[in-house]
Protein backbone atom coordinates (compact mmCIF):
# COMPACT_ATOMS: atom_id res chain seq x y z
CA UNK A 1 -15.35 -63.06 56.75
CA UNK A 2 -15.18 -66.30 58.70
CA UNK A 3 -18.45 -67.98 59.40
CA UNK A 4 -19.74 -71.01 61.26
CA UNK A 5 -19.01 -73.41 58.39
CA UNK A 6 -15.39 -72.22 58.06
CA UNK A 7 -14.44 -74.01 61.29
CA UNK A 8 -15.32 -77.42 59.89
CA UNK A 9 -13.18 -79.57 57.56
CA UNK A 10 -16.14 -80.07 55.22
CA UNK A 11 -16.31 -76.31 54.39
CA UNK A 12 -15.23 -76.84 50.76
CA UNK A 13 -17.78 -79.63 50.34
CA UNK A 14 -20.52 -77.39 51.74
CA UNK A 15 -19.57 -74.60 49.33
CA UNK A 16 -19.51 -76.96 46.38
CA UNK A 17 -22.85 -78.34 47.55
CA UNK A 18 -24.23 -74.80 47.60
CA UNK A 19 -23.02 -74.35 44.04
CA UNK A 20 -24.67 -77.56 42.99
CA UNK A 21 -27.87 -76.46 44.71
CA UNK A 22 -27.76 -73.21 42.71
CA UNK A 23 -27.19 -75.19 39.53
CA UNK A 24 -30.04 -77.58 40.31
CA UNK A 25 -32.35 -74.69 41.23
CA UNK A 26 -31.40 -73.00 37.98
CA UNK A 27 -32.26 -76.15 36.05
CA UNK A 28 -35.67 -76.14 37.73
CA UNK A 29 -36.47 -72.57 36.67
CA UNK A 30 -39.79 -73.68 35.21
CA UNK A 31 -41.41 -73.03 38.60
CA UNK A 32 -40.44 -69.33 38.49
CA UNK A 33 -41.97 -66.61 36.35
CA UNK A 34 -40.23 -66.34 33.00
CA UNK A 35 -37.82 -63.40 33.01
CA UNK A 36 -38.40 -60.64 30.50
CA UNK A 37 -35.02 -61.26 28.92
CA UNK A 38 -32.69 -64.22 29.31
CA UNK A 39 -29.23 -63.81 27.87
CA UNK A 40 -27.79 -67.27 28.34
CA UNK A 41 -28.76 -69.96 25.85
CA UNK A 42 -30.32 -72.31 28.39
CA UNK A 43 -30.35 -73.27 32.05
CA UNK A 44 -27.77 -76.04 31.48
CA UNK A 45 -25.29 -73.48 30.16
CA UNK A 46 -25.80 -71.17 33.15
CA UNK A 47 -25.42 -74.10 35.56
CA UNK A 48 -22.19 -75.10 33.82
CA UNK A 49 -20.89 -71.50 34.02
CA UNK A 50 -21.67 -71.31 37.74
CA UNK A 51 -19.80 -74.55 38.43
CA UNK A 52 -16.88 -73.42 36.27
CA UNK A 53 -16.60 -70.13 38.19
CA UNK A 54 -16.75 -71.95 41.52
CA UNK A 55 -13.91 -74.23 40.46
CA UNK A 56 -11.71 -71.28 39.49
CA UNK A 57 -9.83 -68.73 41.57
CA UNK A 58 -11.60 -65.93 39.72
CA UNK A 59 -13.58 -63.15 41.38
CA UNK A 60 -17.24 -63.12 40.33
CA UNK A 61 -20.58 -61.69 41.39
CA UNK A 62 -23.83 -63.61 41.81
CA UNK A 63 -27.16 -61.75 41.79
CA UNK A 64 -30.04 -63.91 43.03
CA UNK A 65 -33.28 -62.24 41.96
CA UNK A 66 -35.50 -64.60 43.96
CA UNK A 67 -33.70 -64.02 47.26
CA UNK A 68 -32.73 -60.39 46.48
CA UNK A 69 -29.12 -61.13 47.43
CA UNK A 70 -25.77 -60.29 45.88
CA UNK A 71 -22.81 -62.48 46.73
CA UNK A 72 -19.19 -61.69 45.84
CA UNK A 73 -17.10 -64.82 45.31
CA UNK A 74 -13.44 -65.65 44.88
CA UNK A 75 -13.69 -69.00 43.15
CA UNK A 76 -15.58 -71.25 45.57
CA UNK A 77 -15.23 -68.87 48.53
CA UNK A 78 -18.02 -66.45 49.41
CA UNK A 79 -16.32 -63.22 50.48
CA UNK A 80 -19.19 -60.72 50.78
CA UNK A 81 -22.99 -60.90 50.77
CA UNK A 82 -25.60 -58.13 50.82
CA UNK A 83 -29.34 -57.61 50.51
CA UNK A 84 -30.22 -55.78 47.29
CA UNK A 85 -33.13 -54.35 45.33
CA UNK A 86 -33.43 -55.35 41.69
CA UNK A 87 -35.97 -54.54 38.98
CA UNK A 88 -39.66 -54.55 39.72
CA UNK A 89 -42.03 -56.70 37.67
CA UNK A 90 -42.67 -53.95 35.11
CA UNK A 91 -38.93 -53.17 34.71
CA UNK A 92 -37.16 -56.50 35.34
CA UNK A 93 -33.46 -57.13 35.70
CA UNK A 94 -32.18 -59.22 32.77
CA UNK A 95 -30.82 -62.66 33.64
CA UNK A 96 -27.70 -64.23 32.23
CA UNK A 97 -23.92 -64.25 32.38
CA UNK A 98 -22.35 -60.81 31.97
CA UNK A 99 -19.13 -59.00 32.91
CA UNK A 100 -18.42 -55.59 34.42
CA UNK A 101 -17.97 -53.31 31.38
CA UNK A 102 -17.26 -49.91 32.96
CA UNK A 103 -16.91 -48.40 36.43
CA UNK A 104 -17.84 -44.86 37.49
CA UNK A 105 -17.47 -43.39 40.97
CA UNK A 106 -20.41 -41.09 40.18
CA UNK A 107 -22.97 -41.43 37.38
CA UNK A 108 -26.23 -39.83 36.33
CA UNK A 109 -29.01 -42.30 35.58
CA UNK A 110 -31.89 -41.29 33.34
CA UNK A 111 -34.75 -43.16 31.76
CA UNK A 112 -38.52 -43.04 31.36
CA UNK A 113 -39.87 -41.68 34.64
CA UNK A 114 -36.56 -41.13 36.44
CA UNK A 115 -33.52 -38.87 36.47
CA UNK A 116 -31.14 -39.54 39.36
CA UNK A 117 -27.94 -37.49 39.67
CA UNK A 118 -24.79 -38.51 41.55
CA UNK A 119 -25.39 -42.28 41.63
CA UNK A 120 -22.39 -43.62 43.56
CA UNK A 121 -20.12 -46.56 42.74
CA UNK A 122 -21.73 -47.57 39.45
CA UNK A 123 -20.57 -50.69 37.61
CA UNK A 124 -22.29 -51.26 34.26
CA UNK A 125 -22.47 -54.90 33.22
CA UNK A 126 -25.01 -54.92 30.35
CA UNK A 127 -26.26 -51.96 28.31
CA UNK A 128 -27.75 -49.53 30.86
CA UNK A 129 -27.92 -52.14 33.66
CA UNK A 130 -25.57 -51.68 36.58
CA UNK A 131 -24.77 -52.53 40.16
CA UNK A 132 -24.72 -49.22 42.06
CA UNK A 133 -25.26 -47.48 45.36
CA UNK A 134 -28.76 -46.23 46.13
CA UNK A 135 -29.05 -43.27 48.49
CA UNK A 136 -32.71 -42.55 47.61
CA UNK A 137 -34.32 -45.58 49.26
CA UNK A 138 -33.83 -48.13 52.00
CA UNK A 139 -36.12 -50.88 50.65
CA UNK A 140 -33.41 -53.46 50.18
CA UNK A 141 -34.81 -56.95 49.86
CA UNK A 142 -37.69 -55.72 47.68
CA UNK A 143 -37.57 -55.31 43.88
CA UNK A 144 -38.06 -51.54 43.36
CA UNK A 145 -35.62 -50.51 40.62
CA UNK A 146 -35.93 -49.85 36.91
CA UNK A 147 -33.77 -52.95 36.32
CA UNK A 148 -30.47 -52.10 37.97
CA UNK A 149 -29.16 -53.78 41.09
CA UNK A 150 -29.47 -51.29 43.98
CA UNK A 151 -27.07 -51.73 46.89
CA UNK A 152 -26.65 -49.65 50.05
CA UNK A 153 -23.93 -47.05 49.39
CA UNK A 154 -21.37 -48.50 51.83
CA UNK A 155 -21.76 -51.96 50.26
CA UNK A 156 -21.58 -50.51 46.75
CA UNK A 157 -18.28 -48.87 47.65
CA UNK A 158 -16.84 -52.19 48.89
CA UNK A 159 -17.96 -53.96 45.70
CA UNK A 160 -16.63 -51.13 43.52
CA UNK A 161 -13.19 -51.41 45.15
CA UNK A 162 -13.19 -55.23 44.98
CA UNK A 163 -14.39 -55.82 41.40
CA UNK A 164 -12.44 -55.05 38.24
CA UNK A 165 -13.66 -54.39 34.73
CA UNK A 166 -14.20 -57.89 33.33
CA UNK A 167 -15.43 -59.42 36.60
CA UNK A 168 -18.18 -61.92 35.69
CA UNK A 169 -21.73 -61.18 36.88
CA UNK A 170 -24.24 -64.06 37.01
CA UNK A 171 -27.88 -62.96 37.33
CA UNK A 172 -30.50 -65.65 37.93
CA UNK A 173 -33.80 -66.51 39.61
């Protein structure tokens, strides 16, 4: 996916600058509502982990809860970006650094107030929290889930094929 910035010699600097902006924004999290559960020790640690991933050649996934965006990265290179729906205020998506634990082409998701069969392209990254396709709504860009990261089915399939078990997942505001 070549974009406007790819044609300029300062592309790598712009990407690194974006990473630094994410790190700085993460350090300034005091202006955002406190998440229900934070699984990294502190903002400095998350910022360090983001920079470390961007300086690697490793595939990783960034979930930005404020912007409702998921970005797939290969080291410092953004390779795929989609609009998502994460947890609503009463059922928030946990923040932190995780890794894909299991992958299922089809899963059944059940919890208080919901029972959804045949959830496509499900990748669990923490307890019952997953990135998965959502065929039951088209409200991407708005937090509507019970805590999972909802992605349009075609995008979920791409992510499912691209990510391996062990792929890091960074979730932040």
